[in-house]
Amino acid sequence: MVREIARIDLRPAPPARSKPARPPRARCSGAQPDAARWSCYARRKFPERYWLLVEWDSVAAHEAFRRTPDFAEWRRLVADCFADAPRSSMA
């Protein structure tokens, strides 16, 4: 089992909104057979920062997912919401 930890920073909310723009729902790593579990967290202190935790069967499974049409579609849908590219590491 390999754990991926990704920091996702979203663009700040426009003045008329109280929360940052959230990515639209899309197929996510949790729908992948090689992802045992996944969760996403946000903290009040930094409402535009999310932490995505995914447990993969292997690094190869994670890399294979990134080459799928589902991942490409997810990135297309959420790209405008990101302040920066997500930063991730494997543990």
N, C-alpha and C. Protein backbone atom coordinates (compact mmCIF):
# COMPACT_ATOMS: atom_id res chain seq x y z
N MET A 1 0.86 -1.18 0.00
CA MET A 1 0.00 0.00 0.00
C MET A 1 0.90 1.24 0.00
N VAL A 2 0.55 2.20 -0.84
CA VAL A 2 1.30 3.46 -0.95
C VAL A 2 0.32 4.60 -0.71
N ARG A 3 0.72 5.56 0.10
CA ARG A 3 -0.15 6.69 0.40
C ARG A 3 0.32 7.93 -0.37
N GLU A 4 -0.62 8.53 -1.09
CA GLU A 4 -0.36 9.80 -1.78
C GLU A 4 -0.97 10.92 -0.95
N ILE A 5 -0.21 11.97 -0.76
CA ILE A 5 -0.69 13.16 -0.06
C ILE A 5 -0.53 14.33 -1.02
N ALA A 6 -1.64 14.96 -1.37
CA ALA A 6 -1.60 16.08 -2.32
C ALA A 6 -2.17 17.34 -1.67
N ARG A 7 -1.44 18.43 -1.81
CA ARG A 7 -1.92 19.74 -1.36
C ARG A 7 -2.49 20.44 -2.57
N ILE A 8 -3.75 20.85 -2.45
CA ILE A 8 -4.45 21.50 -3.55
C ILE A 8 -4.88 22.88 -3.07
N ASP A 9 -4.31 23.92 -3.68
CA ASP A 9 -4.68 25.30 -3.35
C ASP A 9 -5.62 25.82 -4.43
N LEU A 10 -6.77 26.30 -3.99
CA LEU A 10 -7.76 26.85 -4.92
C LEU A 10 -7.61 28.35 -5.00
N ARG A 11 -8.13 28.92 -6.06
CA ARG A 11 -8.13 30.38 -6.22
C ARG A 11 -8.97 30.98 -5.09
N PRO A 12 -8.57 32.15 -4.59
CA PRO A 12 -9.37 32.81 -3.55
C PRO A 12 -10.76 33.16 -4.06
N ALA A 13 -11.67 33.27 -3.13
CA ALA A 13 -13.05 33.63 -3.49
C ALA A 13 -13.12 35.08 -3.94
N PRO A 14 -13.93 35.37 -4.94
CA PRO A 14 -14.17 36.78 -5.30
C PRO A 14 -14.81 37.49 -4.10
N PRO A 15 -14.72 38.81 -4.01
CA PRO A 15 -15.27 39.54 -2.86
C PRO A 15 -16.74 39.24 -2.59
N ALA A 16 -17.52 38.94 -3.61
CA ALA A 16 -18.96 38.69 -3.42
C ALA A 16 -19.23 37.31 -2.81
N ARG A 17 -18.22 36.44 -2.77
CA ARG A 17 -18.42 35.08 -2.24
C ARG A 17 -17.65 34.92 -0.95
N SER A 18 -18.15 34.06 -0.09
CA SER A 18 -17.47 33.84 1.18
C SER A 18 -16.55 32.63 1.15
N LYS A 19 -16.67 31.80 0.13
CA LYS A 19 -15.85 30.59 0.03
C LYS A 19 -15.13 30.57 -1.31
N PRO A 20 -13.96 29.90 -1.36
CA PRO A 20 -13.26 29.79 -2.64
C PRO A 20 -14.05 28.95 -3.63
N ALA A 21 -13.75 29.13 -4.89
CA ALA A 21 -14.41 28.32 -5.93
C ALA A 21 -14.04 26.86 -5.70
N ARG A 22 -15.01 26.01 -5.73
CA ARG A 22 -14.75 24.60 -5.54
C ARG A 22 -14.79 23.90 -6.88
N PRO A 23 -13.91 22.91 -7.06
CA PRO A 23 -13.95 22.17 -8.32
C PRO A 23 -15.28 21.44 -8.48
N PRO A 24 -15.77 21.32 -9.70
CA PRO A 24 -17.00 20.56 -9.90
C PRO A 24 -16.77 19.10 -9.60
N ARG A 25 -17.83 18.40 -9.26
CA ARG A 25 -17.70 16.96 -9.01
C ARG A 25 -17.32 16.26 -10.30
N ALA A 26 -16.42 15.33 -10.18
CA ALA A 26 -15.97 14.54 -11.33
C ALA A 26 -15.54 13.19 -10.83
N ARG A 27 -15.37 12.25 -11.74
CA ARG A 27 -14.85 10.96 -11.31
C ARG A 27 -13.50 11.19 -10.66
N CYS A 28 -13.29 10.50 -9.58
CA CYS A 28 -12.07 10.74 -8.81
C CYS A 28 -11.36 9.42 -8.58
N SER A 29 -10.19 9.52 -7.96
CA SER A 29 -9.37 8.34 -7.72
C SER A 29 -10.12 7.30 -6.89
N GLY A 30 -11.09 7.71 -6.09
CA GLY A 30 -11.84 6.76 -5.29
C GLY A 30 -12.63 5.78 -6.13
N ALA A 31 -12.89 6.11 -7.38
CA ALA A 31 -13.63 5.22 -8.26
C ALA A 31 -12.70 4.20 -8.93
N GLN A 32 -11.41 4.31 -8.70
CA GLN A 32 -10.44 3.43 -9.34
C GLN A 32 -10.26 2.16 -8.51
N PRO A 33 -10.20 1.00 -9.16
CA PRO A 33 -10.07 -0.26 -8.41
C PRO A 33 -8.76 -0.37 -7.63
N ASP A 34 -7.71 0.33 -8.04
CA ASP A 34 -6.42 0.24 -7.35
C ASP A 34 -6.26 1.28 -6.25
N ALA A 35 -7.30 2.08 -5.99
CA ALA A 35 -7.29 3.05 -4.90
C ALA A 35 -8.14 2.48 -3.77
N ALA A 36 -7.49 2.03 -2.71
CA ALA A 36 -8.21 1.39 -1.61
C ALA A 36 -9.11 2.38 -0.88
N ARG A 37 -8.56 3.58 -0.62
CA ARG A 37 -9.33 4.60 0.10
C ARG A 37 -8.87 5.97 -0.35
N TRP A 38 -9.76 6.95 -0.24
CA TRP A 38 -9.37 8.33 -0.48
C TRP A 38 -10.24 9.24 0.37
N SER A 39 -9.68 10.40 0.72
CA SER A 39 -10.42 11.40 1.48
C SER A 39 -9.83 12.77 1.16
N CYS A 40 -10.63 13.79 1.40
CA CYS A 40 -10.21 15.16 1.11
C CYS A 40 -10.58 16.02 2.32
N TYR A 41 -9.63 16.84 2.78
CA TYR A 41 -9.82 17.66 3.97
C TYR A 41 -9.53 19.13 3.67
N ALA A 42 -10.23 19.99 4.38
CA ALA A 42 -9.96 21.43 4.34
C ALA A 42 -9.90 21.91 5.79
N ARG A 43 -9.21 23.00 6.03
CA ARG A 43 -9.10 23.57 7.37
C ARG A 43 -9.68 24.99 7.36
N ARG A 44 -10.24 25.39 8.47
CA ARG A 44 -10.83 26.74 8.56
C ARG A 44 -9.79 27.84 8.39
N LYS A 45 -8.59 27.61 8.89
CA LYS A 45 -7.56 28.66 8.83
C LYS A 45 -7.18 28.99 7.39
N PHE A 46 -7.18 28.00 6.51
CA PHE A 46 -6.87 28.18 5.09
C PHE A 46 -7.99 27.55 4.27
N PRO A 47 -9.14 28.22 4.12
CA PRO A 47 -10.29 27.60 3.45
C PRO A 47 -10.06 27.28 1.98
N GLU A 48 -9.05 27.88 1.37
CA GLU A 48 -8.78 27.60 -0.04
C GLU A 48 -7.78 26.45 -0.22
N ARG A 49 -7.32 25.85 0.88
CA ARG A 49 -6.35 24.75 0.80
C ARG A 49 -7.01 23.43 1.18
N TYR A 50 -6.83 22.45 0.31
CA TYR A 50 -7.36 21.12 0.55
C TYR A 50 -6.21 20.12 0.56
N TRP A 51 -6.39 19.06 1.32
CA TRP A 51 -5.43 17.95 1.36
C TRP A 51 -6.15 16.70 0.89
N LEU A 52 -5.64 16.09 -0.16
CA LEU A 52 -6.20 14.86 -0.71
C LEU A 52 -5.29 13.71 -0.29
N LEU A 53 -5.87 12.70 0.34
CA LEU A 53 -5.13 11.52 0.77
C LEU A 53 -5.70 10.31 0.02
N VAL A 54 -4.82 9.59 -0.66
CA VAL A 54 -5.25 8.41 -1.42
C VAL A 54 -4.32 7.26 -1.08
N GLU A 55 -4.89 6.11 -0.79
CA GLU A 55 -4.10 4.90 -0.58
C GLU A 55 -4.20 4.05 -1.84
N TRP A 56 -3.07 3.89 -2.51
CA TRP A 56 -2.99 3.12 -3.75
C TRP A 56 -2.40 1.75 -3.47
N ASP A 57 -2.74 0.78 -4.31
CA ASP A 57 -2.13 -0.55 -4.19
C ASP A 57 -0.63 -0.48 -4.44
N SER A 58 -0.22 0.41 -5.34
CA SER A 58 1.20 0.53 -5.69
C SER A 58 1.44 1.87 -6.39
N VAL A 59 2.70 2.25 -6.52
CA VAL A 59 3.05 3.46 -7.27
C VAL A 59 2.63 3.27 -8.73
N ALA A 60 2.79 2.06 -9.24
CA ALA A 60 2.41 1.77 -10.63
C ALA A 60 0.91 2.02 -10.84
N ALA A 61 0.08 1.68 -9.85
CA ALA A 61 -1.37 1.91 -9.97
C ALA A 61 -1.67 3.40 -10.03
N HIS A 62 -0.97 4.18 -9.22
CA HIS A 62 -1.14 5.65 -9.25
C HIS A 62 -0.74 6.20 -10.62
N GLU A 63 0.41 5.77 -11.12
CA GLU A 63 0.88 6.26 -12.42
C GLU A 63 -0.05 5.84 -13.55
N ALA A 64 -0.61 4.63 -13.45
CA ALA A 64 -1.56 4.17 -14.47
C ALA A 64 -2.82 5.03 -14.45
N PHE A 65 -3.31 5.38 -13.26
CA PHE A 65 -4.50 6.22 -13.16
C PHE A 65 -4.28 7.57 -13.83
N ARG A 66 -3.10 8.14 -13.65
CA ARG A 66 -2.81 9.46 -14.24
C ARG A 66 -2.80 9.43 -15.76
N ARG A 67 -2.74 8.26 -16.36
CA ARG A 67 -2.78 8.13 -17.83
C ARG A 67 -4.19 7.81 -18.35
N THR A 68 -5.19 7.76 -17.48
CA THR A 68 -6.54 7.38 -17.90
C THR A 68 -7.34 8.58 -18.40
N PRO A 69 -8.36 8.33 -19.21
CA PRO A 69 -9.27 9.41 -19.63
C PRO A 69 -9.99 10.04 -18.43
N ASP A 70 -10.29 9.25 -17.38
CA ASP A 70 -10.95 9.81 -16.19
C ASP A 70 -10.09 10.90 -15.56
N PHE A 71 -8.79 10.66 -15.42
CA PHE A 71 -7.92 11.66 -14.82
C PHE A 71 -7.83 12.90 -15.71
N ALA A 72 -7.70 12.69 -17.01
CA ALA A 72 -7.63 13.82 -17.94
C ALA A 72 -8.91 14.67 -17.85
N GLU A 73 -10.05 14.03 -17.75
CA GLU A 73 -11.32 14.75 -17.64
C GLU A 73 -11.41 15.51 -16.32
N TRP A 74 -10.99 14.87 -15.23
CA TRP A 74 -10.99 15.53 -13.93
C TRP A 74 -10.12 16.78 -13.96
N ARG A 75 -8.91 16.67 -14.50
CA ARG A 75 -8.02 17.83 -14.58
C ARG A 75 -8.61 18.93 -15.45
N ARG A 76 -9.28 18.55 -16.54
CA ARG A 76 -9.91 19.55 -17.40
C ARG A 76 -10.99 20.30 -16.63
N LEU A 77 -11.78 19.58 -15.85
CA LEU A 77 -12.88 20.20 -15.12
C LEU A 77 -12.41 21.10 -13.98
N VAL A 78 -11.33 20.75 -13.32
CA VAL A 78 -10.91 21.48 -12.13
C VAL A 78 -9.77 22.47 -12.37
N ALA A 79 -9.16 22.46 -13.53
CA ALA A 79 -7.96 23.28 -13.78
C ALA A 79 -8.18 24.76 -13.48
N ASP A 80 -9.34 25.30 -13.82
CA ASP A 80 -9.59 26.73 -13.58
C ASP A 80 -9.76 27.07 -12.11
N CYS A 81 -9.98 26.06 -11.27
CA CYS A 81 -10.16 26.30 -9.83
C CYS A 81 -8.83 26.36 -9.09
N PHE A 82 -7.77 25.80 -9.68
CA PHE A 82 -6.48 25.73 -9.00
C PHE A 82 -5.76 27.08 -9.00
N ALA A 83 -5.20 27.46 -7.85
CA ALA A 83 -4.34 28.62 -7.79
C ALA A 83 -2.97 28.25 -8.35
N ASP A 84 -2.54 27.04 -8.08
CA ASP A 84 -1.27 26.48 -8.55
C ASP A 84 -1.51 25.01 -8.85
N ALA A 85 -0.56 24.40 -9.52
CA ALA A 85 -0.65 22.95 -9.73
C ALA A 85 -0.59 22.24 -8.38
N PRO A 86 -1.40 21.20 -8.18
CA PRO A 86 -1.33 20.45 -6.93
C PRO A 86 0.08 19.91 -6.69
N ARG A 87 0.46 19.87 -5.43
CA ARG A 87 1.76 19.30 -5.04
C ARG A 87 1.48 18.00 -4.32
N SER A 88 2.10 16.93 -4.78
CA SER A 88 1.85 15.64 -4.13
C SER A 88 3.15 14.90 -3.87
N SER A 89 3.05 13.99 -2.92
CA SER A 89 4.18 13.11 -2.61
C SER A 89 3.63 11.75 -2.24
N MET A 90 4.48 10.76 -2.36
CA MET A 90 4.09 9.39 -2.03
C MET A 90 4.84 8.96 -0.78
N ALA A 91 4.16 8.26 0.10
CA ALA A 91 4.79 7.76 1.32
C ALA A 91 4.49 6.29 1.47
